Amino acid sequence: MTDALYIHVPFCRKKCGYCDFLSFTGKSEEEIGKYVEYLKREINLYPDIEYDTVYFGGGTPSILKVEHFYSILGSIKLSKGAEVTVEINPATVDYEKLHSLREVGVNRLSIGVQSFDDERLEVLGRIHSSLEAIQAFNDARMAGFDNISLDLIFATPGQTMDELDTDLQVLKELSPEHISIYSLIWEEGTKFWDLLEDRKLSICDEELEEKMYTYIIEKLSDFGYVHYEVSNFSKPGMESRHNSKYWLNEEYVGVGVGASGYIDGVRYRNFDELEAYYGRIDSGKPPVMEMECLDEKMVAEYSCILGLRLLNTGIMPKEKKQSEKCAELAEQGYLEKKAGGEYILSRKGLFFANDVFEQFID
């Protein structure tokens, strides 16, 4: 059943140095308004679905006007109690905008804080300050949001354990319902990659990164958060419903330039150039650039790779080959077998998660 909708908003005020997501800067309000109209047209190309979750990702979705969100949400069917998430940059919102977003049906925020240290934010190229991040969170609370996720990045150039501890202590004080915390990934083609090659930035030492990740897990657990996915923590019962659908390998509609989706056994990706995206929709066709039709074997592989990210449920091997691979990885200490027969990542496996996932691809 397809009941999830991902909406990609590719506009930003400024491109962060580490970011390799599809995004554009310097676009006019007219261009952004045009894009919103094409988003609605693309959504209408898909079946009349009642959505259980909607997720506005980017880019910086919060640079859209409130009327844009109202227009998009008004064009789709939502189930009762649907989870509607918008990614927020603290520098693009105030109390009035957040209150209006709540009024038009947004009920979950993902705030891209990345750090509560201003020097660290400057290194990352963020356009907000630590105080602005805290203000955005407090404004969201006053606006009525009771489901807020905060995003942070660790193992950034020059970061110390003391700085990480400060970030975690601020998280404890704010007490969001959900926390996503990722180690910095160096992607070719980004400004950070160029600075790395020019030796103006350096990669965090692997031992320090592992120490940081261990500390994060221990501290957030002490604060009462459940480590339910490799990079995600939540208060009990406050897991991201939308993202959990990805990890459970459930189907979803993805719209917007460069967006990915998974419908009727087919994974697809949209055109990543605006004019090509607009042109396909003008022709009455979904703006799909790439498609991958999954057979049973590929579905099983995806299910294993994605399912192992969920630390409380893991995977139940359905084939002999999967069972043998799980048993082998458990013997090596990368997986643990639960009483019901499910396999989950061990603490050791968490630090080599990508290597473990690759074991399930032929």
Protein backbone atom coordinates (compact mmCIF):
# COMPACT_ATOMS: atom_id res chain seq x y z
CA MET A 1 0.00 0.00 0.00
CA THR A 2 1.33 3.33 -1.01
CA ASP A 3 0.34 5.95 1.56
CA ALA A 4 3.45 8.12 1.92
CA LEU A 5 4.36 11.25 -0.05
CA TYR A 6 7.81 12.84 -0.24
CA ILE A 7 7.94 16.38 -1.68
CA HIS A 8 11.34 17.77 -2.68
CA VAL A 9 11.84 21.52 -2.37
CA PRO A 10 15.23 22.23 -3.98
CA PHE A 11 15.69 25.89 -3.02
CA CYS A 12 18.21 27.31 -0.53
CA ARG A 13 19.45 30.74 0.40
CA LYS A 14 23.00 29.39 0.50
CA LYS A 15 24.60 26.04 -0.30
CA CYS A 16 26.32 24.51 2.74
CA GLY A 17 29.89 23.40 2.15
CA TYR A 18 29.27 19.74 2.99
CA CYS A 19 25.93 19.34 1.18
CA ASP A 20 25.52 17.23 -1.95
CA PHE A 21 21.71 17.22 -2.01
CA LEU A 22 20.06 18.63 -5.11
CA SER A 23 19.43 22.31 -4.41
CA PHE A 24 19.53 25.68 -6.13
CA THR A 25 20.28 29.15 -4.79
CA GLY A 26 19.29 32.59 -6.04
CA LYS A 27 15.86 31.63 -7.41
CA SER A 28 13.19 34.34 -7.52
CA GLU A 29 9.83 34.19 -5.77
CA GLU A 30 8.23 33.81 -9.19
CA GLU A 31 10.35 30.74 -9.95
CA ILE A 32 9.54 29.21 -6.58
CA GLY A 33 5.82 29.88 -7.11
CA LYS A 34 6.00 28.25 -10.56
CA TYR A 35 7.69 25.21 -9.04
CA VAL A 36 4.92 24.82 -6.47
CA GLU A 37 2.31 24.77 -9.24
CA TYR A 38 4.25 22.05 -11.07
CA LEU A 39 4.53 20.05 -7.85
CA LYS A 40 0.74 19.99 -7.62
CA ARG A 41 0.45 19.02 -11.27
CA GLU A 42 2.89 16.15 -10.73
CA ILE A 43 1.00 14.92 -7.67
CA ASN A 44 -2.16 14.81 -9.79
CA LEU A 45 -0.41 12.47 -12.24
CA TYR A 46 -0.47 9.76 -9.57
CA PRO A 47 -3.51 7.83 -8.29
CA ASP A 48 -5.94 9.50 -5.88
CA ILE A 49 -4.16 8.36 -2.70
CA GLU A 50 -5.05 9.08 0.91
CA TYR A 51 -1.70 9.84 2.48
CA ASP A 52 -0.74 8.77 5.99
CA THR A 53 2.54 10.71 5.93
CA VAL A 54 3.78 13.71 3.98
CA TYR A 55 7.39 14.91 4.17
CA PHE A 56 8.70 18.19 2.74
CA GLY A 57 12.46 17.77 2.29
CA GLY A 58 15.14 19.73 0.53
CA GLY A 59 16.84 21.96 -0.01
CA THR A 60 15.20 24.29 2.46
CA PRO A 61 11.42 23.73 2.38
CA SER A 62 10.87 26.43 5.00
CA ILE A 63 11.71 29.16 2.48
CA LEU A 64 8.34 28.44 0.86
CA LYS A 65 5.54 30.81 1.80
CA VAL A 66 2.79 29.55 4.10
CA GLU A 67 0.31 29.87 1.23
CA HIS A 68 2.45 27.45 -0.77
CA PHE A 69 2.08 24.81 1.94
CA TYR A 70 -1.63 25.56 2.17
CA SER A 71 -1.99 25.16 -1.59
CA ILE A 72 -0.07 21.87 -1.74
CA LEU A 73 -1.73 20.29 1.30
CA GLY A 74 -5.11 21.44 0.07
CA SER A 75 -4.59 19.53 -3.17
CA ILE A 76 -4.12 16.10 -1.58
CA LYS A 77 -6.09 13.74 0.64
CA LEU A 78 -4.78 13.16 4.15
CA SER A 79 -5.84 10.34 6.42
CA LYS A 80 -7.04 11.15 9.92
CA GLY A 81 -4.00 11.78 12.12
CA ALA A 82 -1.62 11.98 9.16
CA GLU A 83 1.97 12.97 9.99
CA VAL A 84 2.99 16.08 8.01
CA THR A 85 6.67 17.02 8.39
CA VAL A 86 8.54 20.08 7.12
CA GLU A 87 12.31 20.49 7.27
CA ILE A 88 13.18 23.87 8.78
CA ASN A 89 16.24 26.10 8.64
CA PRO A 90 16.16 28.27 11.80
CA ALA A 91 17.06 31.42 9.85
CA THR A 92 13.97 31.15 7.64
CA VAL A 93 11.19 31.10 10.25
CA ASP A 94 9.74 33.12 13.09
CA TYR A 95 6.88 32.55 15.50
CA GLU A 96 4.25 33.93 13.10
CA LYS A 97 5.32 31.67 10.25
CA LEU A 98 5.53 28.61 12.48
CA HIS A 99 2.09 29.34 13.95
CA SER A 100 0.69 29.67 10.43
CA LEU A 101 2.31 26.40 9.36
CA ARG A 102 0.65 24.68 12.30
CA GLU A 103 -2.67 26.22 11.27
CA VAL A 104 -2.48 24.87 7.70
CA GLY A 105 -1.87 21.30 8.86
CA VAL A 106 1.86 20.84 9.44
CA ASN A 107 2.24 18.88 12.69
CA ARG A 108 5.88 17.82 12.75
CA LEU A 109 9.09 19.80 12.24
CA SER A 110 12.62 18.67 11.48
CA ILE A 111 14.91 21.57 12.41
CA GLY A 112 18.36 21.56 10.85
CA VAL A 113 20.45 22.75 13.78
CA GLN A 114 23.67 20.80 12.95
CA SER A 115 25.49 22.35 15.94
CA PHE A 116 24.93 24.66 18.89
CA ASP A 117 28.45 26.06 18.52
CA ASP A 118 28.68 29.24 16.42
CA GLU A 119 32.26 28.55 15.31
CA ARG A 120 31.22 25.08 14.18
CA LEU A 121 28.20 26.53 12.34
CA GLU A 122 30.49 28.94 10.51
CA VAL A 123 32.77 26.09 9.43
CA LEU A 124 29.75 24.19 8.12
CA GLY A 125 28.54 27.25 6.23
CA ARG A 126 25.17 27.47 7.99
CA ILE A 127 23.21 30.73 7.77
CA HIS A 128 21.87 30.60 11.34
CA SER A 129 23.41 31.04 14.78
CA SER A 130 23.05 28.85 17.85
CA LEU A 131 20.71 31.38 19.44
CA GLU A 132 18.55 31.42 16.31
CA ALA A 133 18.30 27.63 16.44
CA ILE A 134 17.19 27.67 20.06
CA GLN A 135 14.77 30.52 19.32
CA ALA A 136 13.26 28.58 16.41
CA PHE A 137 12.72 25.58 18.66
CA ASN A 138 11.10 27.69 21.39
CA ASP A 139 8.95 29.50 18.84
CA ALA A 140 7.82 26.15 17.47
CA ARG A 141 6.81 25.04 20.95
CA MET A 142 4.83 28.25 21.48
CA ALA A 143 3.20 27.76 18.08
CA GLY A 144 1.83 24.43 19.26
CA PHE A 145 4.27 21.88 17.84
CA ASP A 146 4.58 18.86 20.11
CA ASN A 147 6.51 16.69 17.64
CA ILE A 148 9.87 18.24 16.82
CA SER A 149 13.03 16.61 15.53
CA LEU A 150 16.45 18.27 15.76
CA ASP A 151 19.23 17.37 13.29
CA LEU A 152 22.89 17.51 14.30
CA ILE A 153 26.19 16.61 12.66
CA PHE A 154 29.24 15.28 14.49
CA ALA A 155 32.85 14.48 13.54
CA THR A 156 33.13 17.86 11.81
CA PRO A 157 36.56 19.41 11.13
CA GLY A 158 38.19 20.39 14.42
CA GLN A 159 35.30 19.30 16.64
CA THR A 160 36.26 18.20 20.14
CA MET A 161 34.58 15.89 22.65
CA ASP A 162 33.83 18.92 24.83
CA GLU A 163 32.01 20.63 21.96
CA LEU A 164 30.03 17.47 21.30
CA ASP A 165 29.11 17.24 24.97
CA THR A 166 27.86 20.83 24.90
CA ASP A 167 25.62 19.99 21.93
CA LEU A 168 24.21 17.00 23.78
CA GLN A 169 23.57 19.00 26.95
CA VAL A 170 21.60 21.59 24.95
CA LEU A 171 19.58 18.75 23.43
CA LYS A 172 18.82 17.50 26.93
CA GLU A 173 17.58 20.95 27.98
CA LEU A 174 15.42 21.44 24.89
CA SER A 175 14.06 17.88 25.07
CA PRO A 176 12.82 17.42 21.49
CA GLU A 177 10.72 14.36 20.69
CA HIS A 178 13.21 13.15 18.08
CA ILE A 179 16.90 13.54 17.28
CA SER A 180 18.76 12.73 14.06
CA ILE A 181 22.51 12.88 14.44
CA TYR A 182 24.88 12.05 11.61
CA SER A 183 28.63 11.87 11.20
CA LEU A 184 29.92 14.22 8.52
CA ILE A 185 30.17 12.54 5.11
CA TRP A 186 32.70 13.94 2.67
CA GLU A 187 31.11 13.95 -0.78
CA GLU A 188 33.03 14.53 -3.99
CA GLY A 189 31.83 17.66 -5.76
CA THR A 190 31.15 19.63 -2.58
CA LYS A 191 33.06 22.66 -1.32
CA PHE A 192 34.27 20.56 1.62
CA TRP A 193 35.76 18.00 -0.77
CA ASP A 194 37.73 20.72 -2.55
CA LEU A 195 38.98 22.12 0.77
CA LEU A 196 39.98 18.60 1.81
CA GLU A 197 42.01 18.13 -1.38
CA ASP A 198 43.63 21.55 -0.82
CA ARG A 199 44.43 20.42 2.76
CA LYS A 200 42.51 23.35 4.20
CA LEU A 201 40.21 20.93 6.05
CA SER A 202 40.96 17.51 7.51
CA ILE A 203 38.85 14.43 8.16
CA CYS A 204 38.09 13.53 11.75
CA ASP A 205 40.25 10.70 13.10
CA GLU A 206 38.38 7.36 12.92
CA GLU A 207 39.04 6.55 16.58
CA LEU A 208 37.68 9.95 17.65
CA GLU A 209 34.62 9.51 15.42
CA GLU A 210 33.91 6.11 16.97
CA LYS A 211 34.38 7.58 20.44
CA MET A 212 31.94 10.37 19.60
CA TYR A 213 29.32 7.97 18.25
CA THR A 214 29.61 5.77 21.34
CA TYR A 215 29.27 8.81 23.59
CA ILE A 216 26.21 10.02 21.68
CA ILE A 217 24.50 6.64 22.06
CA GLU A 218 25.27 6.45 25.77
CA LYS A 219 24.27 10.03 26.60
CA LEU A 220 21.04 10.07 24.60
CA SER A 221 20.08 6.74 26.13
CA ASP A 222 20.71 8.25 29.57
CA PHE A 223 18.43 11.15 28.58
CA GLY A 224 15.60 8.69 27.88
CA TYR A 225 15.84 8.43 24.10
CA VAL A 226 15.41 5.16 22.21
CA HIS A 227 18.11 4.46 19.63
CA TYR A 228 15.72 2.99 17.06
CA GLU A 229 17.69 3.53 13.83
CA VAL A 230 21.39 3.86 13.04
CA SER A 231 21.32 7.69 13.12
CA ASN A 232 17.98 8.33 14.82
CA PHE A 233 16.77 8.57 18.40
CA SER A 234 13.32 9.30 19.76
CA LYS A 235 11.32 9.43 22.90
CA PRO A 236 9.24 6.25 23.25
CA GLY A 237 6.55 6.13 20.57
CA MET A 238 7.83 9.23 18.74
CA GLU A 239 9.72 7.58 15.89
CA SER A 240 9.46 9.22 12.46
CA ARG A 241 6.49 7.49 10.85
CA HIS A 242 7.44 8.68 7.38
CA ASN A 243 11.09 7.66 7.44
CA SER A 244 10.21 4.34 9.07
CA LYS A 245 8.27 3.50 5.91
CA TYR A 246 11.53 3.80 3.94
CA TRP A 247 13.37 1.49 6.31
CA LEU A 248 10.54 -1.03 6.17
CA ASN A 249 10.91 -0.97 2.37
CA GLU A 250 7.36 0.26 1.94
CA GLU A 251 6.30 2.05 -1.23
CA TYR A 252 5.95 5.84 -1.45
CA VAL A 253 5.32 8.59 -3.97
CA GLY A 254 8.20 11.01 -4.50
CA VAL A 255 7.57 14.30 -6.32
CA GLY A 256 9.74 17.24 -7.24
CA VAL A 257 12.91 17.73 -9.22
CA GLY A 258 15.42 14.97 -8.42
CA ALA A 259 12.99 13.19 -6.07
CA SER A 260 12.96 9.40 -5.74
CA GLY A 261 9.95 7.16 -5.28
CA TYR A 262 8.94 3.50 -5.08
CA ILE A 263 5.59 2.45 -6.56
CA ASP A 264 4.25 -0.91 -7.80
CA GLY A 265 7.62 -2.61 -7.46
CA VAL A 266 9.45 0.12 -9.37
CA ARG A 267 12.01 2.49 -7.88
CA TYR A 268 12.37 5.72 -9.84
CA ARG A 269 14.15 9.05 -9.82
CA ASN A 270 12.96 12.30 -11.37
CA PHE A 271 14.86 14.60 -13.69
CA ASP A 272 17.32 16.76 -11.74
CA GLU A 273 17.10 19.84 -13.99
CA LEU A 274 14.17 22.23 -13.62
CA GLU A 275 13.49 22.73 -17.33
CA ALA A 276 13.50 18.99 -18.04
CA TYR A 277 11.23 18.48 -15.04
CA TYR A 278 8.79 21.16 -16.22
CA GLY A 279 8.86 19.87 -19.79
CA ARG A 280 7.83 16.34 -18.89
CA ILE A 281 4.94 17.56 -16.76
CA ASP A 282 3.83 19.88 -19.58
CA SER A 283 3.66 16.79 -21.80
CA GLY A 284 1.36 15.12 -19.25
CA LYS A 285 3.92 12.51 -18.21
CA PRO A 286 5.60 11.85 -14.85
CA PRO A 287 9.04 13.54 -14.91
CA VAL A 288 10.87 10.25 -14.37
CA MET A 289 14.49 10.05 -15.53
CA GLU A 290 15.48 6.61 -14.22
CA MET A 291 13.53 3.46 -13.32
CA GLU A 292 14.50 0.17 -11.68
CA CYS A 293 12.03 -2.72 -11.76
CA LEU A 294 12.64 -4.89 -8.72
CA ASP A 295 12.43 -8.67 -8.88
CA GLU A 296 11.98 -10.83 -5.78
CA LYS A 297 15.72 -11.09 -5.20
CA MET A 298 16.19 -7.31 -5.32
CA VAL A 299 13.22 -6.72 -3.00
CA ALA A 300 14.79 -9.16 -0.53
CA GLU A 301 18.13 -7.34 -0.74
CA TYR A 302 16.54 -3.94 -0.16
CA SER A 303 14.50 -5.35 2.73
CA CYS A 304 17.64 -6.65 4.43
CA ILE A 305 19.73 -3.52 3.90
CA LEU A 306 16.99 -1.14 4.99
CA GLY A 307 15.55 -3.36 7.72
CA LEU A 308 18.89 -3.72 9.48
CA ARG A 309 18.88 0.04 10.03
CA LEU A 310 15.98 -0.48 12.46
CA LEU A 311 17.70 -1.44 15.68
CA ASN A 312 14.65 -2.66 17.62
CA THR A 313 13.12 -4.89 14.94
CA GLY A 314 15.94 -5.79 12.55
CA ILE A 315 15.22 -8.45 9.93
CA MET A 316 13.79 -11.97 9.83
CA PRO A 317 15.67 -13.90 7.10
CA LYS A 318 13.27 -15.45 4.59
CA GLU A 319 15.75 -17.35 2.44
CA LYS A 320 18.42 -19.92 3.23
CA LYS A 321 21.17 -17.70 1.83
CA GLN A 322 20.05 -14.78 4.01
CA SER A 323 19.88 -17.01 7.09
CA GLU A 324 23.39 -18.28 6.46
CA LYS A 325 24.73 -14.76 5.94
CA CYS A 326 23.04 -13.52 9.13
CA ALA A 327 24.42 -16.45 11.12
CA GLU A 328 27.90 -15.78 9.74
CA LEU A 329 27.75 -12.08 10.62
CA ALA A 330 26.41 -12.93 14.09
CA GLU A 331 29.32 -15.31 14.66
CA GLN A 332 31.68 -12.48 13.67
CA GLY A 333 29.96 -10.18 16.16
CA TYR A 334 28.34 -7.77 13.69
CA LEU A 335 24.76 -8.97 14.25
CA GLU A 336 22.82 -10.24 17.25
CA LYS A 337 20.04 -12.83 17.09
CA LYS A 338 16.96 -12.04 19.15
CA ALA A 339 14.73 -14.57 20.88
CA GLY A 340 12.17 -14.43 18.07
CA GLY A 341 14.78 -15.21 15.42
CA GLU A 342 15.25 -11.63 14.20
CA TYR A 343 18.73 -10.27 13.59
CA ILE A 344 19.77 -6.75 14.58
CA LEU A 345 23.00 -4.81 14.33
CA SER A 346 25.28 -5.29 17.33
CA ARG A 347 27.20 -2.42 18.87
CA LYS A 348 30.20 -3.56 16.83
CA GLY A 349 28.01 -3.77 13.73
CA LEU A 350 26.86 -0.17 14.17
CA PHE A 351 30.40 1.04 13.50
CA PHE A 352 30.65 -1.04 10.32
CA ALA A 353 27.02 -0.76 9.22
CA ASN A 354 27.71 -0.02 5.55
CA ASP A 355 30.09 -2.98 5.33
CA VAL A 356 27.41 -5.20 6.90
CA PHE A 357 24.76 -3.96 4.45
CA GLU A 358 27.00 -4.74 1.49
CA GLN A 359 27.09 -8.39 2.54
CA PHE A 360 23.46 -8.72 1.43
CA ILE A 361 24.10 -7.55 -2.15
CA ASP A 362 25.12 -10.13 -4.73
